[in-house]
């Protein structure tokens, strides 16, 4: 694995960066990599179809549940 303050480059060529999407209204993402030692890293997050979230008082809204891929070194 190679790295600098802006990215990690895994042995299989996967480049890992810290990103913030344009739709992040209540959170932020940022930082840099330093003194990196990895056992595993999440390399993929996928969102499925929305599901309704309900409680005793009625429907609260719809959520999308993520699935992740964790790659070990």
N, C-alpha and C. Protein backbone atom coordinates (compact mmCIF):
# COMPACT_ATOMS: atom_id res chain seq x y z
N UNK A 1 0.83 -1.17 0.00
CA UNK A 1 0.00 0.00 0.00
C UNK A 1 0.89 1.24 0.00
N UNK A 2 0.49 2.23 -0.79
CA UNK A 2 1.14 3.54 -0.81
C UNK A 2 0.16 4.57 -0.28
N UNK A 3 0.67 5.67 0.23
CA UNK A 3 -0.21 6.73 0.68
C UNK A 3 0.51 8.07 0.73
N UNK A 4 -0.28 9.13 0.65
CA UNK A 4 0.19 10.46 0.99
C UNK A 4 -0.97 11.15 1.72
N UNK A 5 -0.89 12.42 1.99
CA UNK A 5 -1.92 13.07 2.80
C UNK A 5 -3.29 13.10 2.12
N UNK A 6 -3.36 12.95 0.79
CA UNK A 6 -4.61 13.06 0.06
C UNK A 6 -5.26 11.74 -0.34
N UNK A 7 -4.52 10.62 -0.34
CA UNK A 7 -5.11 9.36 -0.79
C UNK A 7 -4.34 8.17 -0.25
N UNK A 8 -5.02 7.02 -0.30
CA UNK A 8 -4.39 5.71 -0.08
C UNK A 8 -4.43 4.99 -1.41
N UNK A 9 -3.39 4.30 -1.78
CA UNK A 9 -3.38 3.47 -2.98
C UNK A 9 -3.17 2.03 -2.53
N UNK A 10 -4.24 1.20 -2.64
CA UNK A 10 -4.18 -0.18 -2.19
C UNK A 10 -3.41 -1.03 -3.19
N UNK A 11 -3.02 -2.23 -2.74
CA UNK A 11 -2.20 -3.12 -3.57
C UNK A 11 -2.86 -3.49 -4.89
N UNK A 12 -4.21 -3.53 -4.92
CA UNK A 12 -4.91 -3.89 -6.16
C UNK A 12 -5.17 -2.68 -7.06
N UNK A 13 -4.64 -1.51 -6.71
CA UNK A 13 -4.83 -0.32 -7.52
C UNK A 13 -5.99 0.56 -7.10
N UNK A 14 -6.78 0.12 -6.12
CA UNK A 14 -7.90 0.93 -5.63
C UNK A 14 -7.37 2.18 -4.94
N UNK A 15 -7.89 3.34 -5.34
CA UNK A 15 -7.48 4.62 -4.76
C UNK A 15 -8.57 5.06 -3.79
N UNK A 16 -8.23 5.28 -2.54
CA UNK A 16 -9.18 5.67 -1.49
C UNK A 16 -8.93 7.13 -1.14
N UNK A 17 -9.99 7.96 -1.22
CA UNK A 17 -9.90 9.38 -0.88
C UNK A 17 -11.02 9.74 0.08
N UNK A 18 -10.92 10.90 0.71
CA UNK A 18 -11.99 11.43 1.55
C UNK A 18 -12.79 12.39 0.68
N UNK A 19 -14.09 12.11 0.51
CA UNK A 19 -14.94 12.92 -0.37
C UNK A 19 -16.19 13.37 0.38
N UNK A 20 -16.72 14.51 0.01
CA UNK A 20 -18.00 14.99 0.53
C UNK A 20 -18.91 15.25 -0.66
N UNK A 21 -20.10 14.66 -0.65
CA UNK A 21 -21.03 14.85 -1.76
C UNK A 21 -21.69 16.22 -1.67
N UNK A 22 -22.29 16.66 -2.75
CA UNK A 22 -22.97 17.95 -2.79
C UNK A 22 -24.23 17.97 -1.93
N UNK A 23 -24.75 16.80 -1.55
CA UNK A 23 -26.00 16.75 -0.79
C UNK A 23 -25.78 16.66 0.72
N UNK A 24 -24.57 16.84 1.20
CA UNK A 24 -24.30 16.80 2.64
C UNK A 24 -24.70 18.12 3.29
N UNK A 25 -25.95 18.19 3.77
CA UNK A 25 -26.44 19.44 4.33
C UNK A 25 -26.13 19.57 5.82
N UNK A 26 -26.01 18.49 6.53
CA UNK A 26 -25.85 18.55 7.98
C UNK A 26 -24.57 17.89 8.46
N UNK A 27 -23.68 17.56 7.57
CA UNK A 27 -22.42 16.89 7.93
C UNK A 27 -21.33 17.38 7.00
N UNK A 28 -20.12 17.09 7.37
CA UNK A 28 -19.01 17.45 6.48
C UNK A 28 -18.00 16.33 6.46
N UNK A 29 -17.13 16.37 5.50
CA UNK A 29 -16.06 15.37 5.38
C UNK A 29 -14.77 16.11 5.06
N UNK A 30 -13.69 15.66 5.63
CA UNK A 30 -12.41 16.30 5.36
C UNK A 30 -11.32 15.63 6.15
N UNK A 31 -10.13 16.08 5.98
CA UNK A 31 -9.00 15.54 6.71
C UNK A 31 -7.91 15.09 5.78
N UNK A 32 -6.92 14.45 6.35
CA UNK A 32 -5.81 13.94 5.57
C UNK A 32 -5.30 12.66 6.20
N UNK A 33 -4.60 11.87 5.42
CA UNK A 33 -4.03 10.62 5.90
C UNK A 33 -2.63 10.88 6.45
N UNK A 34 -2.29 10.23 7.56
CA UNK A 34 -0.93 10.29 8.08
C UNK A 34 -0.68 9.05 8.93
N UNK A 35 0.57 8.57 8.92
CA UNK A 35 0.96 7.37 9.67
C UNK A 35 -0.01 6.21 9.43
N UNK A 36 -0.28 5.89 8.17
CA UNK A 36 -1.31 4.92 7.80
C UNK A 36 -0.81 3.49 7.98
N UNK A 37 -1.60 2.69 8.69
CA UNK A 37 -1.42 1.24 8.80
C UNK A 37 -2.82 0.64 8.73
N UNK A 38 -3.07 -0.19 7.72
CA UNK A 38 -4.41 -0.73 7.49
C UNK A 38 -4.48 -2.23 7.72
N UNK A 39 -5.60 -2.66 8.30
CA UNK A 39 -5.97 -4.07 8.32
C UNK A 39 -7.09 -4.32 7.32
N UNK A 40 -7.98 -3.33 7.16
CA UNK A 40 -9.11 -3.44 6.23
C UNK A 40 -9.59 -2.04 5.90
N UNK A 41 -10.35 -1.92 4.79
CA UNK A 41 -10.90 -0.63 4.38
C UNK A 41 -12.21 -0.87 3.64
N UNK A 42 -13.21 0.01 3.84
CA UNK A 42 -14.46 -0.06 3.08
C UNK A 42 -14.18 0.55 1.71
N UNK A 43 -14.39 -0.22 0.66
CA UNK A 43 -14.08 0.26 -0.69
C UNK A 43 -15.32 0.49 -1.54
N UNK A 44 -16.51 0.13 -1.04
CA UNK A 44 -17.72 0.34 -1.84
C UNK A 44 -18.92 0.43 -0.91
N UNK A 45 -19.81 1.38 -1.15
CA UNK A 45 -21.08 1.51 -0.44
C UNK A 45 -22.16 1.66 -1.49
N UNK A 46 -23.18 0.81 -1.41
CA UNK A 46 -24.29 0.87 -2.37
C UNK A 46 -25.59 1.00 -1.59
N UNK A 47 -26.51 1.82 -2.10
CA UNK A 47 -27.81 2.00 -1.47
C UNK A 47 -28.86 1.28 -2.29
N UNK A 48 -29.70 0.50 -1.60
CA UNK A 48 -30.76 -0.23 -2.27
C UNK A 48 -32.02 0.60 -2.39
N UNK A 49 -33.12 -0.07 -2.64
CA UNK A 49 -34.42 0.61 -2.77
C UNK A 49 -34.85 1.17 -1.42
N UNK A 50 -35.53 2.32 -1.41
CA UNK A 50 -36.00 2.89 -0.14
C UNK A 50 -37.00 1.97 0.55
N UNK A 51 -36.98 1.97 1.86
CA UNK A 51 -37.91 1.21 2.69
C UNK A 51 -38.67 2.17 3.58
N UNK A 52 -39.95 1.89 3.85
CA UNK A 52 -40.73 2.73 4.74
C UNK A 52 -40.33 2.45 6.18
N UNK A 53 -40.24 3.50 6.97
CA UNK A 53 -39.92 3.39 8.39
C UNK A 53 -41.16 3.81 9.15
N UNK A 54 -41.75 2.88 9.90
CA UNK A 54 -42.98 3.18 10.63
C UNK A 54 -42.81 2.86 12.10
N UNK A 55 -43.58 3.55 12.92
CA UNK A 55 -43.65 3.27 14.36
C UNK A 55 -45.12 3.28 14.76
N UNK A 56 -45.41 3.10 16.03
CA UNK A 56 -46.80 3.03 16.49
C UNK A 56 -47.61 4.26 16.10
N UNK A 57 -46.98 5.43 16.01
CA UNK A 57 -47.71 6.66 15.73
C UNK A 57 -47.86 6.93 14.23
N UNK A 58 -47.41 6.03 13.39
CA UNK A 58 -47.56 6.22 11.96
C UNK A 58 -46.23 6.18 11.24
N UNK A 59 -46.30 6.45 9.96
CA UNK A 59 -45.10 6.38 9.12
C UNK A 59 -44.19 7.58 9.39
N UNK A 60 -42.91 7.30 9.61
CA UNK A 60 -41.93 8.35 9.87
C UNK A 60 -41.27 8.86 8.60
N UNK A 61 -41.17 8.04 7.61
CA UNK A 61 -40.49 8.44 6.38
C UNK A 61 -39.95 7.23 5.65
N UNK A 62 -39.08 7.50 4.69
CA UNK A 62 -38.48 6.42 3.92
C UNK A 62 -36.98 6.52 4.06
N UNK A 63 -36.32 5.39 4.18
CA UNK A 63 -34.88 5.36 4.32
C UNK A 63 -34.28 4.41 3.28
N UNK A 64 -33.02 4.61 2.98
CA UNK A 64 -32.29 3.69 2.12
C UNK A 64 -31.22 3.04 2.98
N UNK A 65 -31.18 1.72 2.98
CA UNK A 65 -30.22 0.98 3.78
C UNK A 65 -28.98 0.68 2.94
N UNK A 66 -27.80 1.05 3.41
CA UNK A 66 -26.58 0.81 2.63
C UNK A 66 -26.05 -0.60 2.82
N UNK A 67 -25.37 -1.10 1.81
CA UNK A 67 -24.57 -2.31 1.94
C UNK A 67 -23.13 -1.89 1.66
N UNK A 68 -22.18 -2.50 2.34
CA UNK A 68 -20.77 -2.08 2.19
C UNK A 68 -19.92 -3.26 1.76
N UNK A 69 -18.80 -2.96 1.14
CA UNK A 69 -17.79 -3.94 0.81
C UNK A 69 -16.54 -3.59 1.60
N UNK A 70 -16.05 -4.52 2.39
CA UNK A 70 -14.84 -4.31 3.18
C UNK A 70 -13.75 -5.17 2.61
N UNK A 71 -12.67 -4.56 2.20
CA UNK A 71 -11.53 -5.27 1.61
C UNK A 71 -10.42 -5.34 2.65
N UNK A 72 -9.90 -6.54 2.89
CA UNK A 72 -8.78 -6.71 3.81
C UNK A 72 -7.48 -6.80 3.04
N UNK A 73 -6.42 -6.37 3.68
CA UNK A 73 -5.10 -6.41 3.04
C UNK A 73 -4.43 -7.73 3.34
